[in-house]
Amino acid sequence: MAFVDRIKYDAPSDDAIAWKYPSESIRLGAQLIVHQSQEAVFFRGGQALDTFGPGTHTLKTGNLPLLARLVGLPFGGLTPFTAEVWFVNRTVKRDLVWGTQGPVQVIDPKYRVPVSVRAFGRWGFRIMDARSFLVQIVGTQVATAGADFVAAERVAAYFAGEIAQRLTDALARYFVEREVSVFEVGARLNELSGFVAGDVAKEFERFGIEVVNFNVERASIPEEEQARFQEILARRMEIEQVSQAQVGHAYTTMRTFDTLEKAAENEGGAAGQLLGAGLGLGVGIGSGVPIGQKVGGVLQVDPETSSPPAGPEEKLRALKRMLDEGLIDQEDFDRKKQAVLDEI
């Protein structure tokens, strides 16, 4: 068995993330050469032991304390031993693509409609903790691929499911916490990218990986859902426009109540005499059309044309006027408005 005297790895391309030195027969006194942006980790029996940064290292028991204790290497001499040496490339890997495998279901916080969202983008990473990365990721990758190296694409594929899961959770929270409509997300991609990146980065840290960039480049909604939303929005806008156009009706009704009240206080007027005679507004209107018409004549209000609103448009107009006049607050308005819309 030949024992190596020099151990190093000259990567043919920057795509390789981790590579195992082909020989496991090593002797004390051998030279270990670790290039810039590399880190070397010694393994024995599947256990990660001593780690070396950039530079030229002469292997000896003094800088292999964990391995020497495990193997029982004596001090001095050129004692042979067996171990695996893995080199880890710590350069930044960018322009890796990601995308949701299926649509993410969210409830639009502004329009209260369910929407399916798909997102796509790019991300980049680098290895920060070579030992943690090798122990948790490389063992699985090598076993499944049957190779002695791990490429950046395989790392990205390994984490594709993790990214999709984190993205699903982050998207749902983003729309709710920031109160942003799904249909407005195209103008907020930078903000969304930062929000999602925070969740993704935390998960990768425990694998010894730093996420250096994570961008949401596109978020899309199925065409059929866009068409359905446009239809719903058009109907709501139509109702709102009709409501605004006819608030005058509710205003006239409320001003009539004020006029009646003032007339009752004026004992000298015709209306004051009628109301002061014991009829009252409620009694007068409830007693039949003739009395109602007489009161309407005095006040120049036609009871037949002042009938209460019956349809949803009339109800919404009255509600809007009551809100503008301060007779109800915003909470009451929203609740009553929703009740009217639910009847449509």
Protein backbone atom coordinates (compact mmCIF):
# COMPACT_ATOMS: atom_id res chain seq x y z
CA MET A 1 0.00 0.00 0.00
CA ALA A 2 1.50 3.34 -1.09
CA PHE A 3 1.20 6.21 1.36
CA VAL A 4 0.75 9.71 -0.05
CA ASP A 5 3.11 12.52 0.91
CA ARG A 6 1.14 15.44 -0.55
CA ILE A 7 -2.61 16.04 -0.45
CA LYS A 8 -4.31 18.80 -2.40
CA TYR A 9 -7.25 19.46 -4.69
CA ASP A 10 -7.10 21.59 -7.85
CA ALA A 11 -10.75 22.00 -8.82
CA PRO A 12 -11.33 21.75 -12.60
CA SER A 13 -14.23 24.22 -12.25
CA ASP A 14 -15.79 26.38 -9.60
CA ASP A 15 -18.97 24.29 -9.75
CA ALA A 16 -17.60 21.65 -7.35
CA ILE A 17 -18.70 22.31 -3.78
CA ALA A 18 -17.06 19.34 -2.03
CA TRP A 19 -14.53 16.73 -3.24
CA LYS A 20 -12.99 13.71 -1.54
CA TYR A 21 -9.28 12.97 -1.96
CA PRO A 22 -9.08 9.56 -3.73
CA SER A 23 -6.56 7.93 -1.37
CA GLU A 24 -7.15 7.17 2.30
CA SER A 25 -3.58 5.96 3.00
CA ILE A 26 -1.79 8.83 4.69
CA ARG A 27 1.32 9.12 6.89
CA LEU A 28 2.36 11.69 9.45
CA GLY A 29 4.71 14.20 7.85
CA ALA A 30 2.68 14.46 4.63
CA GLN A 31 1.97 17.92 3.19
CA LEU A 32 -1.64 19.11 3.11
CA ILE A 33 -2.15 22.03 0.71
CA VAL A 34 -5.41 23.96 1.07
CA HIS A 35 -6.04 26.69 -1.51
CA GLN A 36 -7.73 30.02 -0.85
CA SER A 37 -11.52 29.69 -0.43
CA GLN A 38 -11.03 26.02 0.49
CA GLU A 39 -11.30 24.11 3.74
CA ALA A 40 -10.16 20.53 4.40
CA VAL A 41 -11.83 18.18 6.88
CA PHE A 42 -10.49 14.79 8.02
CA PHE A 43 -12.99 11.95 8.49
CA ARG A 44 -12.53 8.60 10.20
CA GLY A 45 -15.30 6.02 10.51
CA GLY A 46 -17.90 8.52 9.29
CA GLN A 47 -16.95 11.03 12.01
CA ALA A 48 -15.76 14.56 11.19
CA LEU A 49 -12.52 15.28 13.02
CA ASP A 50 -9.80 17.89 12.37
CA THR A 51 -10.28 20.90 10.06
CA PHE A 52 -7.68 22.93 8.13
CA GLY A 53 -8.00 26.36 6.51
CA PRO A 54 -5.99 27.83 3.56
CA GLY A 55 -2.24 27.23 3.64
CA THR A 56 0.37 24.43 3.58
CA HIS A 57 0.18 22.14 6.59
CA THR A 58 2.59 19.38 7.66
CA LEU A 59 0.49 16.65 9.22
CA LYS A 60 1.54 15.74 12.73
CA THR A 61 -0.11 14.73 15.94
CA GLY A 62 -0.04 18.36 17.10
CA ASN A 63 -2.44 19.54 14.40
CA LEU A 64 -4.44 16.30 14.24
CA PRO A 65 -5.48 16.08 17.91
CA LEU A 66 -8.88 14.51 17.32
CA LEU A 67 -7.63 11.97 14.77
CA ALA A 68 -4.52 11.12 16.87
CA ARG A 69 -6.66 10.45 19.91
CA LEU A 70 -9.12 8.30 17.92
CA VAL A 71 -6.46 6.28 16.07
CA GLY A 72 -3.87 6.29 18.83
CA LEU A 73 -1.07 7.80 16.76
CA PRO A 74 2.29 7.94 18.61
CA PHE A 75 4.30 11.17 18.77
CA GLY A 76 7.15 11.54 16.27
CA GLY A 77 8.10 9.39 13.26
CA LEU A 78 6.21 8.91 9.98
CA THR A 79 3.43 6.71 11.34
CA PRO A 80 0.94 5.68 8.61
CA PHE A 81 -2.81 5.88 9.16
CA THR A 82 -6.00 5.82 7.10
CA ALA A 83 -8.51 8.65 6.89
CA GLU A 84 -10.74 10.43 4.39
CA VAL A 85 -9.90 13.99 3.42
CA TRP A 86 -12.69 16.20 2.07
CA PHE A 87 -12.06 19.58 0.44
CA VAL A 88 -14.88 22.13 0.61
CA ASN A 89 -15.13 25.06 -1.80
CA ARG A 90 -16.31 28.17 0.04
CA THR A 91 -16.72 30.52 -2.91
CA VAL A 92 -20.11 32.11 -3.53
CA LYS A 93 -22.46 30.28 -5.91
CA ARG A 94 -24.96 32.60 -7.56
CA ASP A 95 -27.69 32.46 -10.18
CA LEU A 96 -29.24 29.25 -8.90
CA VAL A 97 -32.91 29.12 -9.86
CA TRP A 98 -35.86 28.28 -7.64
CA GLY A 99 -39.61 28.12 -8.16
CA THR A 100 -42.78 26.90 -6.50
CA GLN A 101 -43.71 23.42 -7.72
CA GLY A 102 -47.40 24.21 -7.38
CA PRO A 103 -49.58 27.26 -6.64
CA VAL A 104 -49.61 28.65 -3.10
CA GLN A 105 -53.12 29.24 -1.80
CA VAL A 106 -53.60 32.55 0.04
CA ILE A 107 -56.54 34.77 1.01
CA ASP A 108 -56.16 38.26 -0.41
CA PRO A 109 -56.27 40.55 2.67
CA LYS A 110 -57.73 43.50 0.75
CA TYR A 111 -60.41 41.88 -1.38
CA ARG A 112 -61.07 38.80 0.78
CA VAL A 113 -60.94 36.33 -2.10
CA PRO A 114 -58.87 33.10 -2.34
CA VAL A 115 -56.00 33.39 -4.83
CA SER A 116 -53.39 30.95 -6.17
CA VAL A 117 -49.88 32.39 -6.43
CA ARG A 118 -46.77 30.97 -8.09
CA ALA A 119 -43.34 32.54 -7.66
CA PHE A 120 -39.94 32.19 -9.32
CA GLY A 121 -36.50 33.66 -8.78
CA ARG A 122 -32.80 33.13 -8.16
CA TRP A 123 -30.66 32.55 -5.12
CA GLY A 124 -27.02 32.11 -4.14
CA PHE A 125 -25.09 30.58 -1.24
CA ARG A 126 -21.69 29.75 0.18
CA ILE A 127 -20.47 27.24 2.75
CA MET A 128 -19.76 28.86 6.10
CA ASP A 129 -19.32 25.76 8.29
CA ALA A 130 -17.58 23.00 6.29
CA ARG A 131 -17.88 20.44 9.07
CA SER A 132 -21.63 20.93 9.52
CA PHE A 133 -22.20 20.92 5.75
CA LEU A 134 -20.23 17.70 5.19
CA VAL A 135 -21.85 15.83 8.06
CA GLN A 136 -25.46 16.79 7.26
CA ILE A 137 -25.48 17.09 3.46
CA VAL A 138 -22.50 15.48 1.73
CA GLY A 139 -22.98 12.00 3.19
CA THR A 140 -26.45 11.80 1.69
CA GLN A 141 -25.43 13.29 -1.64
CA VAL A 142 -22.47 10.96 -2.16
CA ALA A 143 -24.42 7.90 -1.13
CA THR A 144 -27.23 8.63 -3.58
CA ALA A 145 -25.03 9.77 -6.47
CA GLY A 146 -22.20 7.26 -6.04
CA ALA A 147 -19.60 9.98 -6.69
CA ASP A 148 -16.70 11.51 -4.78
CA PHE A 149 -17.78 15.12 -5.27
CA VAL A 150 -20.84 17.33 -4.81
CA ALA A 151 -21.77 20.01 -7.38
CA ALA A 152 -23.63 23.25 -6.73
CA GLU A 153 -26.62 22.10 -8.77
CA ARG A 154 -27.01 19.03 -6.58
CA VAL A 155 -27.00 21.19 -3.47
CA ALA A 156 -29.66 23.43 -5.03
CA ALA A 157 -31.77 20.39 -5.98
CA TYR A 158 -31.39 19.00 -2.47
CA PHE A 159 -32.81 22.22 -0.99
CA ALA A 160 -35.51 22.81 -3.60
CA GLY A 161 -38.20 21.32 -1.38
CA GLU A 162 -36.96 23.26 1.65
CA ILE A 163 -37.09 26.53 -0.27
CA ALA A 164 -40.60 25.78 -1.53
CA GLN A 165 -41.86 25.04 1.99
CA ARG A 166 -40.31 28.14 3.50
CA LEU A 167 -41.58 30.22 0.60
CA THR A 168 -45.15 28.96 1.07
CA ASP A 169 -45.19 29.96 4.73
CA ALA A 170 -43.48 33.30 4.11
CA LEU A 171 -45.81 34.29 1.25
CA ALA A 172 -48.92 33.66 3.33
CA ARG A 173 -47.52 35.68 6.25
CA TYR A 174 -46.31 38.50 4.01
CA PHE A 175 -49.71 39.28 2.52
CA VAL A 176 -51.42 39.15 5.92
CA GLU A 177 -48.83 41.04 7.99
CA ARG A 178 -48.14 43.76 5.42
CA GLU A 179 -51.82 43.93 4.28
CA VAL A 180 -50.73 43.86 0.65
CA SER A 181 -53.08 42.64 -2.04
CA VAL A 182 -51.83 39.70 -4.10
CA PHE A 183 -52.73 41.71 -7.20
CA GLU A 184 -50.28 44.46 -6.17
CA VAL A 185 -47.28 42.20 -5.51
CA GLY A 186 -45.67 42.97 -8.88
CA ALA A 187 -44.74 46.42 -7.57
CA ARG A 188 -43.34 45.03 -4.30
CA LEU A 189 -40.97 42.28 -5.43
CA ASN A 190 -37.95 43.79 -3.64
CA GLU A 191 -39.83 44.02 -0.36
CA LEU A 192 -41.18 40.49 -0.79
CA SER A 193 -37.68 39.19 -1.57
CA GLY A 194 -36.30 40.58 1.68
CA PHE A 195 -39.21 39.23 3.69
CA VAL A 196 -38.87 35.68 2.30
CA ALA A 197 -35.06 35.70 2.44
CA GLY A 198 -35.17 36.09 6.21
CA ASP A 199 -37.13 32.84 6.63
CA VAL A 200 -35.04 30.92 4.10
CA ALA A 201 -31.71 32.04 5.59
CA LYS A 202 -32.59 30.84 9.09
CA GLU A 203 -33.25 27.32 7.87
CA PHE A 204 -30.03 27.10 5.85
CA GLU A 205 -27.85 28.26 8.74
CA ARG A 206 -28.25 25.00 10.59
CA PHE A 207 -26.69 23.18 7.61
CA GLY A 208 -23.62 25.43 7.64
CA ILE A 209 -24.83 27.36 4.56
CA GLU A 210 -25.13 31.14 4.21
CA VAL A 211 -27.74 32.47 1.78
CA VAL A 212 -26.02 35.44 0.11
CA ASN A 213 -28.88 36.45 -2.15
CA PHE A 214 -32.51 35.45 -2.58
CA ASN A 215 -34.65 37.25 -5.15
CA VAL A 216 -38.29 36.90 -6.11
CA GLU A 217 -38.22 37.85 -9.78
CA ARG A 218 -41.78 37.02 -10.73
CA ALA A 219 -45.08 36.22 -9.02
CA SER A 220 -47.98 35.09 -11.18
CA ILE A 221 -51.69 34.35 -10.81
CA PRO A 222 -53.59 31.93 -13.10
CA GLU A 223 -55.47 33.71 -15.89
CA GLU A 224 -58.81 32.21 -14.92
CA GLU A 225 -58.46 33.56 -11.37
CA GLN A 226 -57.52 37.00 -12.69
CA ALA A 227 -60.66 37.01 -14.84
CA ARG A 228 -62.82 35.97 -11.89
CA PHE A 229 -61.32 38.69 -9.71
CA GLN A 230 -61.89 41.35 -12.37
CA GLU A 231 -65.55 40.34 -12.54
CA ILE A 232 -65.95 40.55 -8.76
CA LEU A 233 -64.16 43.91 -8.63
CA ALA A 234 -66.28 45.33 -11.46
CA ARG A 235 -69.50 44.41 -9.63
CA ARG A 236 -68.31 45.98 -6.40
CA MET A 237 -67.20 49.16 -8.15
CA GLU A 238 -70.57 49.42 -9.86
CA ILE A 239 -72.37 49.14 -6.53
CA GLU A 240 -70.08 51.76 -4.99
CA GLN A 241 -70.68 54.16 -7.89
CA VAL A 242 -74.45 53.75 -7.68
CA SER A 243 -74.26 54.27 -3.91
CA GLN A 244 -72.32 57.52 -4.35
CA ALA A 245 -74.70 58.76 -7.05
CA GLN A 246 -77.80 58.38 -4.88
CA VAL A 247 -76.69 59.51 -1.46
CA GLY A 248 -78.84 62.61 -2.08
CA HIS A 249 -81.95 60.52 -1.50
CA ALA A 250 -80.86 59.57 2.00
CA TYR A 251 -79.80 63.16 2.65
CA THR A 252 -83.27 64.46 1.70
CA THR A 253 -84.94 61.94 3.99
CA MET A 254 -82.76 62.94 6.96
CA ARG A 255 -83.33 66.66 6.34
CA THR A 256 -87.09 65.97 6.32
CA PHE A 257 -86.81 64.56 9.86
CA ASP A 258 -85.03 67.75 10.96
CA THR A 259 -87.72 69.91 9.33
CA LEU A 260 -90.52 68.06 11.08
CA GLU A 261 -88.80 68.45 14.41
CA LYS A 262 -88.43 72.22 13.93
CA ALA A 263 -92.00 72.53 12.70
CA ALA A 264 -93.32 70.85 15.84
CA GLU A 265 -91.54 73.51 17.90
CA ASN A 266 -93.21 76.33 15.87
CA GLU A 267 -96.68 76.55 17.36
CA GLY A 268 -97.75 79.28 15.03
CA GLY A 269 -97.16 77.41 11.82
CA ALA A 270 -99.58 75.05 10.06
CA ALA A 271 -97.37 72.06 10.60
CA GLY A 272 -96.90 73.00 14.25
CA GLN A 273 -100.68 73.12 14.69
CA LEU A 274 -101.10 69.71 13.11
CA LEU A 275 -98.37 68.06 15.15
CA GLY A 276 -99.29 69.95 18.30
CA ALA A 277 -102.88 68.69 18.04
CA GLY A 278 -101.74 65.31 19.27
CA LEU A 279 -101.16 63.62 15.96
CA GLY A 280 -97.33 63.56 16.04
CA LEU A 281 -95.15 62.37 13.20
CA GLY A 282 -95.51 58.69 13.93
CA VAL A 283 -99.27 58.93 14.42
CA GLY A 284 -99.76 61.09 11.34
CA ILE A 285 -97.91 58.74 9.03
CA GLY A 286 -99.39 55.67 10.60
CA SER A 287 -102.97 56.95 10.35
CA GLY A 288 -103.18 56.69 6.61
CA VAL A 289 -102.38 58.43 3.38
CA PRO A 290 -104.64 61.50 3.73
CA ILE A 291 -102.95 62.82 6.88
CA GLY A 292 -99.53 61.92 5.53
CA GLN A 293 -100.33 63.85 2.37
CA LYS A 294 -101.44 66.87 4.37
CA VAL A 295 -98.25 66.94 6.38
CA GLY A 296 -96.31 66.43 3.16
CA GLY A 297 -98.16 69.36 1.59
CA VAL A 298 -97.27 71.70 4.42
CA LEU A 299 -93.65 70.66 4.31
CA GLN A 300 -93.59 70.40 0.50
CA VAL A 301 -92.65 66.74 0.67
CA ASP A 302 -94.49 64.13 -1.39
CA PRO A 303 -94.97 60.98 0.77
CA GLU A 304 -95.49 58.81 -2.30
CA THR A 305 -92.10 59.76 -3.70
CA SER A 306 -90.37 59.43 -0.33
CA SER A 307 -90.89 55.69 0.10
CA PRO A 308 -88.15 53.86 2.04
CA PRO A 309 -85.40 52.16 0.01
CA ALA A 310 -86.02 48.55 -0.89
CA GLY A 311 -83.16 47.36 -3.13
CA PRO A 312 -79.47 46.88 -2.19
CA GLU A 313 -78.44 50.02 -4.05
CA GLU A 314 -80.84 52.18 -2.00
CA LYS A 315 -79.69 50.56 1.25
CA LEU A 316 -76.07 51.21 0.43
CA ARG A 317 -76.79 54.83 -0.47
CA ALA A 318 -78.54 55.40 2.83
CA LEU A 319 -75.72 53.75 4.75
CA LYS A 320 -73.11 55.94 3.01
CA ARG A 321 -75.01 59.13 3.82
CA MET A 322 -75.43 58.07 7.46
CA LEU A 323 -71.69 57.46 7.69
CA ASP A 324 -70.91 60.88 6.16
CA GLU A 325 -73.33 62.56 8.59
CA GLY A 326 -71.70 60.85 11.56
CA LEU A 327 -74.84 58.90 12.50
CA ILE A 328 -72.92 55.61 12.36
CA ASP A 329 -69.21 54.81 12.66
CA GLN A 330 -66.97 53.02 10.14
CA GLU A 331 -67.34 49.66 11.90
CA ASP A 332 -71.15 49.83 11.74
CA PHE A 333 -70.97 50.89 8.09
CA ASP A 334 -68.65 48.02 7.11
CA ARG A 335 -70.79 45.45 8.92
CA LYS A 336 -74.09 46.66 7.41
CA LYS A 337 -72.54 47.05 3.98
CA GLN A 338 -71.26 43.47 4.03
CA ALA A 339 -74.70 42.25 5.11
CA VAL A 340 -76.26 44.01 2.10
CA LEU A 341 -73.63 42.62 -0.28
CA ASP A 342 -74.18 39.12 1.07
CA GLU A 343 -77.86 39.36 0.10
CA ILE A 344 -76.99 39.97 -3.57
